[in-house]
C-alpha cells in the first residue's frame, strides 16, 4: 500500500489514516469498502474559504426568507443596496410628490448652491433617484424649509429624523463609504435641523464623520492615512473634480467647528488643499470660483486665530502692546489683499462681504481679552457668556488700541448691516452652520464692547461713546430680518430662523443693562 500526498475528504473528516493503492486513480481502501466517492481533501485555507462561502449562502437564504414574509421594505442595515435605495425612494414618494421633489431639487441647484456651492448636483431628478437616492433625501430634508416642502410639520420632522437614521445605518451600521455619503453628511451638517421630538446627531459629530470618510476614501490626499479597516478601500480618485470639491467643502466645515469651539483645526492647510484650490480656480466655473473664495477667507480666518493665539485659551495676548497691534495690522493687510483679488463677478457678493467683516472682527476681538475671559468668546453666543465683570482696564491706552476699538465697532456694524440688507430668502438659503453663527458672533462682540466701555471703572469709555454703538438700531434691523424670514418659514423649521429670532434677547438684555447703568450713574451724581 502506498501513501497519498493528501488524505481524502472522508478520512480527513474522521481524522484517520488514508491508504490508497499506488495508482492515484484508485480510491482509498475505506472509501472502496464503503462504496464512497474518494475525493482528495482541499488545502486548509481553501477549506476555510469554502466554509465561509457556505455560511454566507445560508445567511442569504435566511435573509431572502425574512424578506419574502414581509410586505414592506426591510429597514435592517443588512439589506442589499438595491433594497435600501428602493426603501428610500418609496419613503420619499409617500411623503413628497415627484413634482415637489423636482421643484426642491431645482431650488437647491439654483438658489442654495448658487450662494454656498459646497455640494454640486448636475443630475436631473431621474438620474439622482437612480444613482444617489441618499443625497436626494438629504437635499429634501435639510436644505429647504418646512413651508417649501408643503408637508405637515410631523412629516417634515419625520423626514429629518429618518434621513439621519438612514445616514447612521449606512455609515455606522453597514460601514459604507462613498463621495455621495460624504456629501449627504455635509448637507446635514451645513443646513443642520432639529426636530420637536428628540435630539439628532450634533452637526460637529456629523462633520467629523464626513471628514473621516473622506480620508478613508482617499480624496484627502495621501498625506492622510486611512483607518486600518479602510486601508484597502481607497477607491476614489483624489485628483477628480468631485473629489477635490468635496474635500475643500470638508475643510470649510471642519474650520467652522474649529472657530466656533476655539480648538485647533484637525486638518491644517496643506499642499493637497492648495492644489485642489488651484485646480478649481483654473476651471473657471462661476460656482467653483465662489467656493474657492469661501475657502480662501475661511483659511485666512484660521490664520488670524492662529497668529493671535485665539485657539489657545490659556495664552494671553495684551491688546495694549505695540507688538500685538503690529501683528493685527499685518493680518488686516492680508484680509485687504484677499478683498482686492476677488474676481469682478464676486466683488459684490453679500456672503463674501459678511465673511470679510467677520474676519476683521476676529482680528480686533483681542482688545477685549483678559487673562481669564477668552473662553467667553467661543460658541454659544448667549447673554450668560458675556463677561460683564471681566474686561481689560488699561490705565494708559496706547493710540493703536483706541483705533482698534473703533475698528471693532465698525466691523461689527458692517456684519449686521450686510446680513440684514440681504433678502430673507437668501439668508434662509445660506448654511445655518457657517453663516448665521457669524452674524450672532458679531452681535455678541458688539454687546460685549458696550459692556466693556460702560462698566464702572473701565477706561474704554474714554474713546467709545455708548450712543455710537447703536445697539438699539442693530436690534431693530435684526427684528425686521427675522420678521421677513418668519413669513417664509412660519414654523421656524430652519435653524437660521431660530438663531436670528433668538437675537431678541438683545433688546431685553440691553434694556435691563441700561436700567442698571442708569441707576449706577444716578447714584454717582448724588
Protein backbone atom coordinates (compact mmCIF):
# COMPACT_ATOMS: atom_id res chain seq x y z
CA UNK A 1 0.00 0.00 0.00
CA UNK A 2 1.28 3.48 -0.83
CA UNK A 3 0.72 6.81 0.84
CA UNK A 4 -1.19 9.59 -0.84
CA UNK A 5 0.08 13.19 -0.59
CA UNK A 6 -3.25 14.36 0.84
CA UNK A 7 -5.99 12.42 2.63
CA UNK A 8 -9.46 12.16 1.10
CA UNK A 9 -12.35 14.22 2.41
CA UNK A 10 -13.94 11.34 4.36
CA UNK A 11 -10.70 10.22 6.05
CA UNK A 12 -9.82 13.86 6.78
CA UNK A 13 -13.23 14.39 8.39
CA UNK A 14 -12.80 11.30 10.60
CA UNK A 15 -9.13 12.13 11.21
CA UNK A 16 -7.92 8.63 10.30
CA UNK A 17 -5.08 7.34 8.15
CA UNK A 18 -5.91 7.34 4.43
CA UNK A 19 -4.26 4.43 2.49
CA UNK A 20 -4.56 4.19 -1.30
CA UNK A 21 -3.15 1.97 -3.99
CA UNK A 22 -0.03 3.05 -5.80
CA UNK A 23 -2.22 4.22 -8.67
CA UNK A 24 -3.53 7.72 -7.83
CA UNK A 25 -6.68 6.95 -9.80
CA UNK A 26 -7.86 4.35 -7.30
CA UNK A 27 -9.95 5.08 -4.19
CA UNK A 28 -8.58 4.50 -0.71
CA UNK A 29 -9.42 1.22 0.99
CA UNK A 30 -12.04 2.72 3.34
CA UNK A 31 -13.95 4.50 0.54
CA UNK A 32 -13.76 1.33 -1.65
CA UNK A 33 -15.04 -0.80 1.20
CA UNK A 34 -17.94 1.55 1.95
CA UNK A 35 -18.78 2.49 -1.63
CA UNK A 36 -17.95 6.18 -1.09
CA UNK A 37 -16.58 8.72 -3.56
CA UNK A 38 -12.92 9.24 -2.76
CA UNK A 39 -12.02 12.89 -3.28
CA UNK A 40 -8.71 14.41 -2.11
CA UNK A 41 -9.25 16.92 0.68
CA UNK A 42 -8.82 20.57 -0.17
CA UNK A 43 -5.95 22.55 1.43
CA UNK A 44 -6.77 24.02 4.84
CA UNK A 45 -7.06 27.64 3.67
CA UNK A 46 -9.28 26.59 0.79
CA UNK A 47 -11.47 24.57 3.18
CA UNK A 48 -11.84 27.61 5.44
CA UNK A 49 -12.90 29.67 2.45
CA UNK A 50 -15.44 27.02 1.42
CA UNK A 51 -16.88 27.04 4.94
CA UNK A 52 -17.19 30.83 4.83
CA UNK A 53 -18.98 30.73 1.48
CA UNK A 54 -21.36 28.05 2.70
CA UNK A 55 -22.15 30.14 5.79
CA UNK A 56 -22.78 33.21 3.62
CA UNK A 57 -25.14 31.20 1.42
CA UNK A 58 -27.11 30.15 4.48
CA UNK A 59 -27.29 33.76 5.69
CA UNK A 60 -28.55 34.93 2.28
CA UNK A 61 -31.18 32.19 2.28
CA UNK A 62 -32.39 33.33 5.70
CA UNK A 63 -32.42 36.99 4.60
CA UNK A 64 -34.44 36.17 1.47
CA UNK A 65 -36.85 34.11 3.56
CA UNK A 66 -37.37 37.00 6.00
CA UNK A 67 -37.86 39.48 3.17
CA UNK A 68 -40.46 37.35 1.40
CA UNK A 69 -42.50 37.12 4.61
CA UNK A 70 -42.66 40.91 4.98
CA UNK A 71 -44.76 43.11 2.66
CA UNK A 72 -42.90 46.36 3.49
CA UNK A 73 -39.25 47.09 2.68
CA UNK A 74 -36.91 45.95 5.43
CA UNK A 75 -35.24 48.68 7.48
CA UNK A 76 -32.42 46.38 8.53
CA UNK A 77 -28.92 47.70 7.86
CA UNK A 78 -28.04 44.23 6.49
CA UNK A 79 -30.31 44.51 3.43
CA UNK A 80 -28.73 44.79 -0.04
CA UNK A 81 -28.02 48.22 -1.50
CA UNK A 82 -30.81 47.86 -4.08
CA UNK A 83 -33.37 47.23 -1.34
CA UNK A 84 -32.07 50.18 0.69
CA UNK A 85 -32.36 52.51 -2.29
CA UNK A 86 -35.84 51.24 -3.07
CA UNK A 87 -36.88 51.82 0.53
CA UNK A 88 -35.58 55.42 0.43
CA UNK A 89 -37.44 56.21 -2.79
CA UNK A 90 -40.64 54.59 -1.54
CA UNK A 91 -40.36 56.56 1.69
CA UNK A 92 -39.83 59.87 -0.12
CA UNK A 93 -42.56 59.30 -2.69
CA UNK A 94 -45.08 58.57 0.05
CA UNK A 95 -44.41 61.99 1.62
CA UNK A 96 -43.17 64.32 -1.13
CA UNK A 97 -44.66 64.15 -4.61
CA UNK A 98 -42.40 63.73 -7.62
CA UNK A 99 -43.39 67.19 -8.81
CA UNK A 100 -42.40 68.69 -5.46
CA UNK A 101 -39.13 66.71 -5.46
CA UNK A 102 -38.35 68.21 -8.86
CA UNK A 103 -39.12 71.74 -7.61
CA UNK A 104 -36.99 71.34 -4.48
CA UNK A 105 -34.08 69.91 -6.47
CA UNK A 106 -34.31 72.90 -8.83
CA UNK A 107 -34.33 75.23 -5.81
CA UNK A 108 -31.23 73.54 -4.42
CA UNK A 109 -29.33 73.92 -7.68
CA UNK A 110 -30.30 77.50 -8.48
CA UNK A 111 -30.63 79.06 -5.02
CA UNK A 112 -28.78 77.06 -2.38
CA UNK A 113 -25.78 76.03 -4.50
CA UNK A 114 -25.65 79.49 -6.01
CA UNK A 115 -24.77 81.06 -2.64
CA UNK A 116 -22.92 78.18 -0.91
CA UNK A 117 -21.71 75.69 -3.55
CA UNK A 118 -20.13 73.08 -1.29
CA UNK A 119 -22.16 70.31 -2.96
CA UNK A 120 -22.98 70.42 -6.68
CA UNK A 121 -25.63 68.21 -8.28
CA UNK A 122 -25.51 68.01 -12.07
CA UNK A 123 -28.01 65.15 -12.45
CA UNK A 124 -31.71 65.55 -13.13
CA UNK A 125 -34.29 64.02 -10.79
CA UNK A 126 -34.48 60.67 -12.57
CA UNK A 127 -30.71 60.25 -12.52
CA UNK A 128 -30.24 61.22 -8.91
CA UNK A 129 -33.04 58.88 -7.87
CA UNK A 130 -31.18 56.02 -9.52
CA UNK A 131 -27.59 56.94 -8.67
CA UNK A 132 -27.74 58.93 -5.40
CA UNK A 133 -31.04 58.49 -3.51
CA UNK A 134 -29.43 59.21 -0.12
CA UNK A 135 -28.07 62.52 -1.40
CA UNK A 136 -31.54 63.38 -2.73
CA UNK A 137 -33.01 62.53 0.68
CA UNK A 138 -30.58 64.93 2.40
CA UNK A 139 -31.39 67.71 -0.07
CA UNK A 140 -35.13 67.38 0.53
CA UNK A 141 -34.82 67.07 4.31
CA UNK A 142 -32.28 69.78 5.16
CA UNK A 143 -31.81 72.46 2.51
CA UNK A 144 -35.39 73.72 2.28
CA UNK A 145 -37.91 74.93 4.84
CA UNK A 146 -40.96 73.07 6.01
CA UNK A 147 -43.11 75.63 4.21
CA UNK A 148 -41.35 74.87 0.91
CA UNK A 149 -41.81 71.13 1.36
CA UNK A 150 -45.56 71.62 1.58
CA UNK A 151 -45.88 68.80 4.11
CA UNK A 152 -47.35 68.53 7.58
CA UNK A 153 -44.96 69.53 10.35
CA UNK A 154 -44.93 65.97 11.66
CA UNK A 155 -43.97 64.71 8.20
CA UNK A 156 -41.18 67.29 7.95
CA UNK A 157 -39.78 66.27 11.33
CA UNK A 158 -40.06 62.58 10.46
CA UNK A 159 -38.17 63.19 7.21
CA UNK A 160 -35.31 64.84 9.12
CA UNK A 161 -35.17 62.01 11.67
CA UNK A 162 -35.39 59.29 9.02
CA UNK A 163 -32.63 60.87 6.93
CA UNK A 164 -30.33 60.89 9.94
CA UNK A 165 -31.29 57.28 10.68
CA UNK A 166 -30.51 56.21 7.13
CA UNK A 167 -27.15 58.02 7.26
CA UNK A 168 -26.39 56.35 10.58
CA UNK A 169 -27.26 52.91 9.19
CA UNK A 170 -25.13 53.43 6.11
CA UNK A 171 -22.09 54.92 7.82
CA UNK A 172 -22.10 53.15 11.19
CA UNK A 173 -24.28 50.07 10.70
CA UNK A 174 -23.14 48.96 7.26
CA UNK A 175 -19.77 50.70 7.14
CA UNK A 176 -20.41 52.13 3.68
CA UNK A 177 -18.06 54.72 2.15
CA UNK A 178 -18.69 56.93 -0.89
CA UNK A 179 -18.48 60.54 -2.01
CA UNK A 180 -22.29 60.56 -2.07
CA UNK A 181 -22.35 59.77 1.66
CA UNK A 182 -19.72 62.43 2.41
CA UNK A 183 -21.82 64.99 0.56
CA UNK A 184 -25.04 63.89 2.27
CA UNK A 185 -23.33 64.23 5.66
CA UNK A 186 -22.06 67.70 4.74
CA UNK A 187 -25.56 68.82 3.73
CA UNK A 188 -27.00 67.58 7.03
CA UNK A 189 -24.27 69.49 8.91
CA UNK A 190 -24.22 72.77 6.98
CA UNK A 191 -28.03 73.04 6.99
CA UNK A 192 -28.46 71.31 10.34
CA UNK A 193 -32.00 70.95 11.67
CA UNK A 194 -33.56 69.77 14.88
CA UNK A 195 -36.98 68.25 15.35
CA UNK A 196 -39.58 68.70 18.04
CA UNK A 197 -39.25 65.07 19.15
CA UNK A 198 -35.78 64.23 20.35
CA UNK A 199 -32.26 65.34 19.54
CA UNK A 200 -30.47 64.48 16.32
CA UNK A 201 -26.75 63.96 15.94
CA UNK A 202 -24.68 67.06 16.64
CA UNK A 203 -23.53 68.88 13.49
CA UNK A 204 -20.00 68.80 14.91
CA UNK A 205 -20.14 64.99 15.12
CA UNK A 206 -21.55 64.74 11.60
CA UNK A 207 -18.73 66.91 10.22
CA UNK A 208 -16.16 64.63 11.84
CA UNK A 209 -17.82 61.58 10.26
CA UNK A 210 -17.72 63.26 6.84
CA UNK A 211 -14.04 64.20 7.20
CA UNK A 212 -13.03 60.73 8.40
CA UNK A 213 -14.88 59.12 5.49
CA UNK A 214 -13.23 61.50 3.01
CA UNK A 215 -9.83 60.48 4.38
CA UNK A 216 -10.75 56.79 4.12
CA UNK A 217 -11.85 57.27 0.50
CA UNK A 218 -8.53 58.90 -0.36
CA UNK A 219 -9.82 62.29 -1.54
CA UNK A 220 -7.89 63.99 1.29
CA UNK A 221 -4.61 63.16 -0.42
CA UNK A 222 -2.00 60.60 0.52
CA UNK A 223 -0.63 62.66 3.40
CA UNK A 224 -3.65 61.48 5.41
CA UNK A 225 -3.65 57.80 6.33
CA UNK A 226 -7.00 55.99 6.23
CA UNK A 227 -8.27 53.94 9.13
CA UNK A 228 -6.92 50.35 9.20
CA UNK A 229 -10.33 48.97 8.22
CA UNK A 230 -10.41 51.19 5.13
CA UNK A 231 -6.80 50.78 4.01
CA UNK A 232 -7.75 48.52 1.07
CA UNK A 233 -10.84 50.55 0.13
CA UNK A 234 -9.36 53.81 -1.13
CA UNK A 235 -11.42 53.65 -4.30
CA UNK A 236 -11.89 57.33 -5.11
CA UNK A 237 -9.56 59.40 -7.24
CA UNK A 238 -8.10 62.22 -5.14
CA UNK A 239 -7.46 64.22 -8.32
CA UNK A 240 -11.04 64.14 -9.65
CA UNK A 241 -13.02 67.36 -9.80
CA UNK A 242 -15.73 65.99 -7.49
CA UNK A 243 -13.14 64.65 -5.06
CA UNK A 244 -11.31 67.98 -4.87
CA UNK A 245 -14.53 69.96 -4.45
CA UNK A 246 -15.79 67.65 -1.69
CA UNK A 247 -12.50 67.77 0.23
CA UNK A 248 -12.50 71.59 0.14
CA UNK A 249 -16.07 71.53 1.47
CA UNK A 250 -14.88 69.25 4.30
CA UNK A 251 -12.18 71.79 5.12
CA UNK A 252 -14.73 74.62 5.34
CA UNK A 253 -16.95 72.56 7.63
CA UNK A 254 -14.09 71.48 9.90
CA UNK A 255 -12.74 75.04 10.06
CA UNK A 256 -16.18 76.26 11.14
CA UNK A 257 -16.08 73.75 14.01
CA UNK A 258 -12.58 74.94 14.88
CA UNK A 259 -13.58 78.63 15.06
CA UNK A 260 -16.83 78.01 16.95
CA UNK A 261 -15.20 75.88 19.63
CA UNK A 262 -11.83 77.69 19.59
CA UNK A 263 -9.93 74.47 19.01
CA UNK A 264 -7.05 73.87 16.61
CA UNK A 265 -8.20 72.58 13.23
CA UNK A 266 -7.59 68.85 12.97
CA UNK A 267 -6.91 69.29 9.23
CA UNK A 268 -4.48 72.20 8.78
CA UNK A 269 -3.92 73.75 5.38
CA UNK A 270 -1.52 71.66 3.27
CA UNK A 271 -0.20 71.22 -0.26
CA UNK A 272 -3.10 69.00 -1.35
CA UNK A 273 -5.71 71.55 -0.27
CA UNK A 274 -3.77 74.24 -2.14
CA UNK A 275 -3.64 72.00 -5.20
CA UNK A 276 -7.41 71.39 -5.01
CA UNK A 277 -8.00 75.14 -4.71
CA UNK A 278 -5.77 75.99 -7.67
CA UNK A 279 -7.36 73.28 -9.81
CA UNK A 280 -10.90 74.51 -9.16
CA UNK A 281 -9.88 78.12 -9.83
CA UNK A 282 -8.39 77.05 -13.17
CA UNK A 283 -11.70 75.51 -14.29
CA UNK A 284 -13.25 78.97 -14.40
CA UNK A 285 -16.78 77.89 -13.42
CA UNK A 286 -18.59 80.66 -11.53
CA UNK A 287 -19.78 78.44 -8.68
CA UNK A 288 -16.36 76.86 -8.25
CA UNK A 289 -14.83 80.34 -8.11
CA UNK A 290 -17.27 81.27 -5.33
CA UNK A 291 -16.40 78.09 -3.41
CA UNK A 292 -12.70 78.89 -3.79
CA UNK A 293 -13.18 82.37 -2.30
CA UNK A 294 -15.17 80.92 0.60
CA UNK A 295 -12.28 78.52 1.17
CA UNK A 296 -9.72 81.33 0.95
CA UNK A 297 -11.39 83.57 3.53
CA UNK A 298 -12.04 80.54 5.74
CA UNK A 299 -8.37 79.64 5.61
CA UNK A 300 -7.46 83.27 6.32
CA UNK A 301 -9.66 83.28 9.43
CA UNK A 302 -7.75 80.18 10.55
CA UNK A 303 -4.50 82.13 10.13
CA UNK A 304 -5.92 85.04 12.14
CA UNK A 305 -6.97 82.85 15.05
CA UNK A 306 -3.64 81.04 14.95
CA UNK A 307 -1.37 84.11 14.93
CA UNK A 308 -3.38 85.85 17.67
CA UNK A 309 -3.47 82.65 19.75
CA UNK A 310 -7.26 82.64 19.87
CA UNK A 311 -7.16 78.84 19.82
CA UNK A 312 -5.02 78.81 22.97
CA UNK A 313 -7.40 79.91 25.70
CA UNK A 314 -4.66 79.91 28.33
CA UNK A 315 -2.40 82.22 26.30
CA UNK A 316 -2.96 85.92 26.96
CA UNK A 317 -2.28 88.45 24.19
CA UNK A 318 -2.23 92.00 25.54
CA UNK A 319 -4.24 94.39 23.37
CA UNK A 320 -2.37 97.38 24.87
CA UNK A 321 1.03 96.45 23.43
CA UNK A 322 2.52 97.73 20.19
CA UNK A 323 3.71 94.25 19.20
CA UNK A 324 0.14 92.95 19.28
CA UNK A 325 -1.06 95.75 17.03
CA UNK A 326 1.78 95.13 14.60
CA UNK A 327 0.52 91.56 14.21
CA UNK A 328 -3.06 92.81 13.86
CA UNK A 329 -2.01 95.26 11.15
CA UNK A 330 -0.27 92.51 9.16
CA UNK A 331 -3.40 90.36 9.37
CA UNK A 332 -5.59 93.29 8.31
CA UNK A 333 -3.36 93.74 5.26
CA UNK A 334 -3.87 90.07 4.36
CA UNK A 335 -7.64 90.47 4.50
CA UNK A 336 -7.41 93.61 2.38
CA UNK A 337 -5.21 91.77 -0.13
CA UNK A 338 -7.77 88.97 -0.37
CA UNK A 339 -10.51 91.56 -0.98
CA UNK A 340 -8.63 93.22 -3.83
CA UNK A 341 -8.03 89.92 -5.67
CA UNK A 342 -11.71 88.93 -5.75
CA UNK A 343 -12.94 88.21 -9.29
CA UNK A 344 -15.15 91.06 -10.60
CA UNK A 345 -18.28 88.88 -10.67
CA UNK A 346 -17.84 88.14 -6.93
CA UNK A 347 -16.84 91.63 -5.80
CA UNK A 348 -20.44 92.45 -4.82
CA UNK A 349 -21.21 89.12 -3.14
CA UNK A 350 -23.09 89.74 0.13
CA UNK A 351 -21.91 86.41 1.50
CA UNK A 352 -18.23 87.23 0.96
CA UNK A 353 -18.75 90.76 2.32
CA UNK A 354 -20.09 89.34 5.58
CA UNK A 355 -17.20 86.87 5.85
CA UNK A 356 -14.67 89.65 5.22
CA UNK A 357 -16.00 91.77 8.07
CA UNK A 358 -16.21 88.71 10.34
CA UNK A 359 -12.51 88.12 9.70
CA UNK A 360 -11.81 91.70 10.79
CA UNK A 361 -13.90 91.26 13.95
CA UNK A 362 -11.73 88.28 14.83
CA UNK A 363 -8.61 90.42 14.38
CA UNK A 364 -9.81 93.18 16.72
CA UNK A 365 -11.52 90.89 19.24
CA UNK A 366 -8.21 90.59 21.08
CA UNK A 367 -8.61 94.11 22.56
CA UNK A 368 -11.44 92.74 24.74
CA UNK A 369 -9.41 89.88 26.16
CA UNK A 370 -8.08 89.45 29.66
CA UNK A 371 -6.08 86.58 31.09
CA UNK A 372 -9.32 84.84 32.13
CA UNK A 373 -12.18 85.80 29.78
CA UNK A 374 -11.05 84.26 26.46
CA UNK A 375 -13.30 81.17 26.77
CA UNK A 376 -16.32 83.50 26.78
CA UNK A 377 -15.76 84.28 23.08
CA UNK A 378 -16.42 80.70 21.97
CA UNK A 379 -19.89 79.50 20.97
CA UNK A 380 -22.64 79.54 22.07
CA UNK A 381 -23.06 83.31 21.84
CA UNK A 382 -25.65 83.93 24.54
CA UNK A 383 -26.10 86.66 27.21
CA UNK A 384 -25.00 84.36 30.01
CA UNK A 385 -21.50 84.22 28.49
CA UNK A 386 -20.93 87.98 28.33
CA UNK A 387 -18.04 88.61 30.76
CA UNK A 388 -19.72 91.60 32.42
CA UNK A 389 -17.14 91.71 35.24
CA UNK A 390 -14.01 90.69 33.35
CA UNK A 391 -12.70 93.33 30.92
CA UNK A 392 -9.32 94.95 30.25
CA UNK A 393 -8.77 98.11 32.28
CA UNK A 394 -5.61 99.73 30.89
CA UNK A 395 -4.73 102.95 32.67
CA UNK A 396 -2.69 104.38 29.78
CA UNK A 397 -4.10 103.31 26.45
CA UNK A 398 -1.71 103.39 23.51
CA UNK A 399 -3.04 105.12 20.34
CA UNK A 400 -3.39 101.87 18.30
CA UNK A 401 -5.70 100.48 20.99
CA UNK A 402 -8.08 103.41 20.60
CA UNK A 403 -8.14 102.92 16.85
CA UNK A 404 -8.67 99.18 17.23
CA UNK A 405 -11.72 99.70 19.46
CA UNK A 406 -13.30 101.98 16.87
CA UNK A 407 -12.48 99.50 14.09
CA UNK A 408 -14.01 96.65 16.10
CA UNK A 409 -17.31 98.52 16.42
CA UNK A 410 -17.24 99.45 12.72
CA UNK A 411 -16.81 95.85 11.52
CA UNK A 412 -19.45 94.50 13.92
CA UNK A 413 -21.89 97.04 12.45
CA UNK A 414 -20.79 96.08 8.92
CA UNK A 415 -21.55 92.39 9.53
CA UNK A 416 -25.02 93.16 10.90
CA UNK A 417 -25.77 95.72 8.16
CA UNK A 418 -24.64 93.38 5.37
CA UNK A 419 -26.73 90.48 6.71
CA UNK A 420 -29.86 92.50 7.43
CA UNK A 421 -29.76 94.10 3.96
CA UNK A 422 -29.98 90.66 2.35
CA UNK A 423 -33.19 89.20 1.02
CA UNK A 424 -34.64 86.95 3.80
CA UNK A 425 -34.97 84.13 1.25
CA UNK A 426 -31.25 84.39 0.54
CA UNK A 427 -30.40 84.26 4.24
CA UNK A 428 -32.52 81.13 4.63
CA UNK A 429 -30.60 79.52 1.76
CA UNK A 430 -27.23 80.09 3.44
CA UNK A 431 -25.94 77.36 5.78
CA UNK A 432 -27.15 77.52 9.35
CA UNK A 433 -23.86 76.02 10.49
CA UNK A 434 -21.48 78.51 8.85
CA UNK A 435 -23.34 81.75 8.17
CA UNK A 436 -25.91 82.53 10.86
CA UNK A 437 -23.49 81.98 13.81
CA UNK A 438 -21.03 84.51 12.34
CA UNK A 439 -23.69 87.23 12.49
CA UNK A 440 -24.66 86.26 16.04
CA UNK A 441 -20.96 86.24 16.98
CA UNK A 442 -20.53 89.81 15.70
CA UNK A 443 -23.59 90.92 17.67
CA UNK A 444 -22.18 89.21 20.77
CA UNK A 445 -18.85 91.04 20.37
CA UNK A 446 -20.64 94.37 19.88
CA UNK A 447 -22.68 93.91 23.06
CA UNK A 448 -19.53 92.82 24.91
CA UNK A 449 -17.84 96.03 23.71
CA UNK A 450 -20.77 98.00 25.10
CA UNK A 451 -20.39 96.32 28.49
CA UNK A 452 -16.63 96.87 28.44
CA UNK A 453 -16.93 100.56 27.64
CA UNK A 454 -19.67 101.30 30.20
CA UNK A 455 -18.54 99.05 33.03
CA UNK A 456 -17.78 101.04 36.20
CA UNK A 457 -14.11 101.93 36.40
CA UNK A 458 -13.33 100.93 32.83
CA UNK A 459 -11.22 103.19 30.66
CA UNK A 460 -12.62 102.13 27.27
CA UNK A 461 -15.44 104.59 27.77
CA UNK A 462 -12.92 107.38 27.14
CA UNK A 463 -12.85 106.58 23.41
CA UNK A 464 -16.19 104.83 22.88
CA UNK A 465 -19.48 106.68 23.22
CA UNK A 466 -22.43 104.47 24.11
CA UNK A 467 -24.75 106.00 21.50
CA UNK A 468 -22.19 105.31 18.77
CA UNK A 469 -22.53 101.58 19.40
CA UNK A 470 -26.11 101.78 18.05
CA UNK A 471 -27.33 98.72 19.92
CA UNK A 472 -31.00 99.67 19.58
CA UNK A 473 -30.66 100.26 15.82
CA UNK A 474 -28.97 96.89 15.36
CA UNK A 475 -31.77 95.22 17.29
CA UNK A 476 -34.39 96.86 15.06
CA UNK A 477 -32.60 95.70 11.89
CA UNK A 478 -32.40 92.14 13.15
CA UNK A 479 -36.10 92.18 14.08
CA UNK A 480 -37.01 93.22 10.54
CA UNK A 481 -34.88 90.46 9.04
CA UNK A 482 -36.36 87.93 11.45
CA UNK A 483 -39.88 89.03 10.51
CA UNK A 484 -39.10 88.50 6.83
CA UNK A 485 -37.71 85.03 7.49
CA UNK A 486 -40.66 84.03 9.64
CA UNK A 487 -43.04 84.95 6.83
CA UNK A 488 -41.16 82.41 4.67
CA UNK A 489 -40.61 79.89 7.46
CA UNK A 490 -43.53 80.34 9.90
CA UNK A 491 -42.81 77.12 11.79
CA UNK A 492 -39.09 78.03 12.07
CA UNK A 493 -38.13 74.63 10.71
CA UNK A 494 -34.81 76.14 9.62
CA UNK A 495 -32.27 76.74 12.37
CA UNK A 496 -31.30 80.03 10.72
CA UNK A 497 -34.78 81.35 11.54
CA UNK A 498 -34.37 80.24 15.13
CA UNK A 499 -30.91 81.72 15.53
CA UNK A 500 -31.94 85.13 14.24
CA UNK A 501 -35.17 85.02 16.23
CA UNK A 502 -33.11 84.27 19.34
CA UNK A 503 -31.29 87.59 18.92
CA UNK A 504 -34.40 89.06 20.52
CA UNK A 505 -32.53 88.53 23.79
CA UNK A 506 -30.54 91.62 22.78
CA UNK A 507 -33.41 94.01 23.38
CA UNK A 508 -34.32 92.53 26.75
CA UNK A 509 -30.69 92.31 27.85
CA UNK A 510 -29.96 95.84 26.67
CA UNK A 511 -33.00 97.29 28.43
CA UNK A 512 -32.07 95.57 31.69
CA UNK A 513 -28.44 96.62 31.38
CA UNK A 514 -29.39 100.22 30.54
CA UNK A 515 -31.64 100.35 33.61
CA UNK A 516 -28.85 99.10 35.87
CA UNK A 517 -26.39 101.52 34.29
CA UNK A 518 -28.80 104.45 34.71
CA UNK A 519 -29.23 103.65 38.40
CA UNK A 520 -25.46 103.46 38.84
CA UNK A 521 -24.91 106.81 37.08
CA UNK A 522 -27.70 108.39 39.15
CA UNK A 523 -26.03 107.10 42.30
CA UNK A 524 -22.74 108.73 41.30
CA UNK A 525 -24.42 112.13 40.94
CA UNK A 526 -25.84 112.07 44.47
